């Protein structure tokens, strides 16, 4: 079992092309002993966004605070505290902060197959 405070986990800038004002914490990952899924915390600054992209695996998202939109294939859907989002594998998407504070959410993804 692993129990720790989020303050003990480093927060890094997302350097991926197309990301602006995005930070990530890998809360639980295969390096912490989780064999199947990773839990990540994202923080997006006002007017920031993740890259518009797709990949083979699903995303499961829970919004902790802030306001924004999830953009997918021509539509924008508002998100805020307590919103849940499921992004199927292969679907183009990104998350954008439309509010005046930080948009903060958890994102769970399966580990990539080696």
C-alpha atoms as a PDB file:
ATOM      1  CA  UNK A   1       0.000   0.000   0.000  1.00  0.00           C
ATOM      2  CA  UNK A   2       1.145   3.528  -0.729  1.00  0.00           C
ATOM      3  CA  UNK A   3      -0.164   6.531   1.190  1.00  0.00           C
ATOM      4  CA  UNK A   4       1.349   9.983   0.822  1.00  0.00           C
ATOM      5  CA  UNK A   5       0.450  13.650   0.652  1.00  0.00           C
ATOM      6  CA  UNK A   6       0.175  15.305  -2.745  1.00  0.00           C
ATOM      7  CA  UNK A   7       2.707  17.834  -1.421  1.00  0.00           C
ATOM      8  CA  UNK A   8       5.320  15.055  -1.432  1.00  0.00           C
ATOM      9  CA  UNK A   9       4.954  14.580  -5.203  1.00  0.00           C
ATOM     10  CA  UNK A  10       6.814  16.818  -7.624  1.00  0.00           C
ATOM     11  CA  UNK A  11       4.861  18.947 -10.074  1.00  0.00           C
ATOM     12  CA  UNK A  12       6.351  19.406 -13.535  1.00  0.00           C
ATOM     13  CA  UNK A  13       5.626  21.681 -16.478  1.00  0.00           C
ATOM     14  CA  UNK A  14       4.144  19.871 -19.473  1.00  0.00           C
ATOM     15  CA  UNK A  15       6.661  20.506 -22.246  1.00  0.00           C
ATOM     16  CA  UNK A  16       4.730  18.732 -25.016  1.00  0.00           C
ATOM     17  CA  UNK A  17       4.245  20.762 -28.191  1.00  0.00           C
ATOM     18  CA  UNK A  18       0.840  22.470 -28.123  1.00  0.00           C
ATOM     19  CA  UNK A  19       0.653  22.682 -24.324  1.00  0.00           C
ATOM     20  CA  UNK A  20       0.504  26.097 -22.709  1.00  0.00           C
ATOM     21  CA  UNK A  21       0.383  26.826 -18.975  1.00  0.00           C
ATOM     22  CA  UNK A  22      -0.020  23.155 -17.985  1.00  0.00           C
ATOM     23  CA  UNK A  23       1.498  21.345 -14.986  1.00  0.00           C
ATOM     24  CA  UNK A  24       1.316  17.637 -14.116  1.00  0.00           C
ATOM     25  CA  UNK A  25       1.803  15.449 -11.043  1.00  0.00           C
ATOM     26  CA  UNK A  26       2.041  11.665 -11.427  1.00  0.00           C
ATOM     27  CA  UNK A  27       0.125  10.763  -8.268  1.00  0.00           C
ATOM     28  CA  UNK A  28       0.134   7.001  -8.824  1.00  0.00           C
ATOM     29  CA  UNK A  29       1.983   5.185 -11.603  1.00  0.00           C
ATOM     30  CA  UNK A  30       3.756   1.934 -12.390  1.00  0.00           C
ATOM     31  CA  UNK A  31       6.758   3.386 -10.548  1.00  0.00           C
ATOM     32  CA  UNK A  32       4.613   3.439  -7.395  1.00  0.00           C
ATOM     33  CA  UNK A  33       3.628  -0.189  -7.972  1.00  0.00           C
ATOM     34  CA  UNK A  34       0.348   0.294  -9.851  1.00  0.00           C
ATOM     35  CA  UNK A  35       0.353  -2.420 -12.540  1.00  0.00           C
ATOM     36  CA  UNK A  36      -2.478  -1.178 -14.770  1.00  0.00           C
ATOM     37  CA  UNK A  37      -3.376   2.495 -14.433  1.00  0.00           C
ATOM     38  CA  UNK A  38      -1.801   5.889 -13.753  1.00  0.00           C
ATOM     39  CA  UNK A  39      -3.499   8.703 -11.829  1.00  0.00           C
ATOM     40  CA  UNK A  40      -2.322  12.166 -12.777  1.00  0.00           C
ATOM     41  CA  UNK A  41      -3.239  15.617 -11.530  1.00  0.00           C
ATOM     42  CA  UNK A  42      -3.243  18.446 -14.069  1.00  0.00           C
ATOM     43  CA  UNK A  43      -3.304  22.176 -13.383  1.00  0.00           C
ATOM     44  CA  UNK A  44      -3.978  24.543 -16.266  1.00  0.00           C
ATOM     45  CA  UNK A  45      -3.421  28.271 -15.830  1.00  0.00           C
ATOM     46  CA  UNK A  46      -6.012  30.801 -17.096  1.00  0.00           C
ATOM     47  CA  UNK A  47      -6.007  30.821 -20.928  1.00  0.00           C
ATOM     48  CA  UNK A  48      -3.824  27.687 -20.891  1.00  0.00           C
ATOM     49  CA  UNK A  49      -4.555  24.409 -22.668  1.00  0.00           C
ATOM     50  CA  UNK A  50      -3.356  20.889 -23.284  1.00  0.00           C
ATOM     51  CA  UNK A  51      -2.319  19.872 -26.839  1.00  0.00           C
ATOM     52  CA  UNK A  52      -5.078  18.923 -29.276  1.00  0.00           C
ATOM     53  CA  UNK A  53      -4.255  15.248 -29.802  1.00  0.00           C
ATOM     54  CA  UNK A  54      -5.444  11.646 -29.818  1.00  0.00           C
ATOM     55  CA  UNK A  55      -4.019   8.287 -28.793  1.00  0.00           C
ATOM     56  CA  UNK A  56      -5.113   4.677 -28.522  1.00  0.00           C
ATOM     57  CA  UNK A  57      -6.041   4.705 -24.821  1.00  0.00           C
ATOM     58  CA  UNK A  58      -8.990   6.171 -22.935  1.00  0.00           C
ATOM     59  CA  UNK A  59      -8.947   9.049 -20.428  1.00  0.00           C
ATOM     60  CA  UNK A  60     -11.102   9.187 -17.331  1.00  0.00           C
ATOM     61  CA  UNK A  61     -11.218  12.704 -15.866  1.00  0.00           C
ATOM     62  CA  UNK A  62     -12.649  14.216 -12.680  1.00  0.00           C
ATOM     63  CA  UNK A  63     -12.584  18.025 -12.365  1.00  0.00           C
ATOM     64  CA  UNK A  64     -11.522  19.216  -8.904  1.00  0.00           C
ATOM     65  CA  UNK A  65     -11.761  22.989  -9.389  1.00  0.00           C
ATOM     66  CA  UNK A  66     -11.879  25.779 -11.946  1.00  0.00           C
ATOM     67  CA  UNK A  67     -13.716  26.254 -15.213  1.00  0.00           C
ATOM     68  CA  UNK A  68     -12.933  25.225 -18.742  1.00  0.00           C
ATOM     69  CA  UNK A  69     -13.969  23.316 -21.813  1.00  0.00           C
ATOM     70  CA  UNK A  70     -13.090  19.960 -23.259  1.00  0.00           C
ATOM     71  CA  UNK A  71     -12.714  20.290 -27.030  1.00  0.00           C
ATOM     72  CA  UNK A  72     -13.349  17.289 -29.251  1.00  0.00           C
ATOM     73  CA  UNK A  73     -13.799  17.089 -32.991  1.00  0.00           C
ATOM     74  CA  UNK A  74     -15.558  20.416 -33.465  1.00  0.00           C
ATOM     75  CA  UNK A  75     -17.481  20.711 -30.196  1.00  0.00           C
ATOM     76  CA  UNK A  76     -16.679  22.415 -26.906  1.00  0.00           C
ATOM     77  CA  UNK A  77     -18.322  21.198 -23.717  1.00  0.00           C
ATOM     78  CA  UNK A  78     -18.119  23.234 -20.503  1.00  0.00           C
ATOM     79  CA  UNK A  79     -16.513  21.605 -17.483  1.00  0.00           C
ATOM     80  CA  UNK A  80     -16.239  22.710 -13.854  1.00  0.00           C
ATOM     81  CA  UNK A  81     -15.944  21.270 -10.348  1.00  0.00           C
ATOM     82  CA  UNK A  82     -17.389  17.742 -10.007  1.00  0.00           C
ATOM     83  CA  UNK A  83     -17.662  17.210 -13.787  1.00  0.00           C
ATOM     84  CA  UNK A  84     -16.602  13.785 -15.039  1.00  0.00           C
ATOM     85  CA  UNK A  85     -15.313  13.248 -18.588  1.00  0.00           C
ATOM     86  CA  UNK A  86     -14.680  10.039 -20.519  1.00  0.00           C
ATOM     87  CA  UNK A  87     -12.539  10.402 -23.653  1.00  0.00           C
ATOM     88  CA  UNK A  88     -12.468   7.179 -25.717  1.00  0.00           C
ATOM     89  CA  UNK A  89      -9.239   6.067 -27.329  1.00  0.00           C
ATOM     90  CA  UNK A  90      -8.677   7.506 -30.807  1.00  0.00           C
ATOM     91  CA  UNK A  91     -10.754  10.662 -30.219  1.00  0.00           C
ATOM     92  CA  UNK A  92      -9.125  14.070 -30.805  1.00  0.00           C
ATOM     93  CA  UNK A  93      -9.357  16.226 -27.664  1.00  0.00           C
ATOM     94  CA  UNK A  94      -7.876  18.892 -25.453  1.00  0.00           C
ATOM     95  CA  UNK A  95      -8.699  20.725 -22.245  1.00  0.00           C
ATOM     96  CA  UNK A  96      -8.799  24.531 -22.074  1.00  0.00           C
ATOM     97  CA  UNK A  97      -9.054  26.823 -19.074  1.00  0.00           C
ATOM     98  CA  UNK A  98     -11.751  29.457 -19.683  1.00  0.00           C
ATOM     99  CA  UNK A  99     -11.913  30.755 -16.111  1.00  0.00           C
ATOM    100  CA  UNK A 100      -9.973  33.265 -14.054  1.00  0.00           C
ATOM    101  CA  UNK A 101      -8.450  30.660 -11.698  1.00  0.00           C
ATOM    102  CA  UNK A 102      -6.539  27.420 -12.144  1.00  0.00           C
ATOM    103  CA  UNK A 103      -8.388  24.502 -13.785  1.00  0.00           C
ATOM    104  CA  UNK A 104      -7.435  21.398 -11.785  1.00  0.00           C
ATOM    105  CA  UNK A 105      -8.407  17.809 -12.585  1.00  0.00           C
ATOM    106  CA  UNK A 106      -7.480  14.187 -12.089  1.00  0.00           C
ATOM    107  CA  UNK A 107      -6.860  12.093 -15.198  1.00  0.00           C
ATOM    108  CA  UNK A 108      -6.600   8.306 -15.127  1.00  0.00           C
ATOM    109  CA  UNK A 109      -5.101   6.387 -18.033  1.00  0.00           C
ATOM    110  CA  UNK A 110      -3.990   2.803 -18.564  1.00  0.00           C
ATOM    111  CA  UNK A 111      -0.262   2.195 -18.796  1.00  0.00           C
ATOM    112  CA  UNK A 112       1.101   1.934 -22.326  1.00  0.00           C
ATOM    113  CA  UNK A 113       1.829  -1.635 -23.329  1.00  0.00           C
ATOM    114  CA  UNK A 114       5.578  -2.196 -23.643  1.00  0.00           C
END
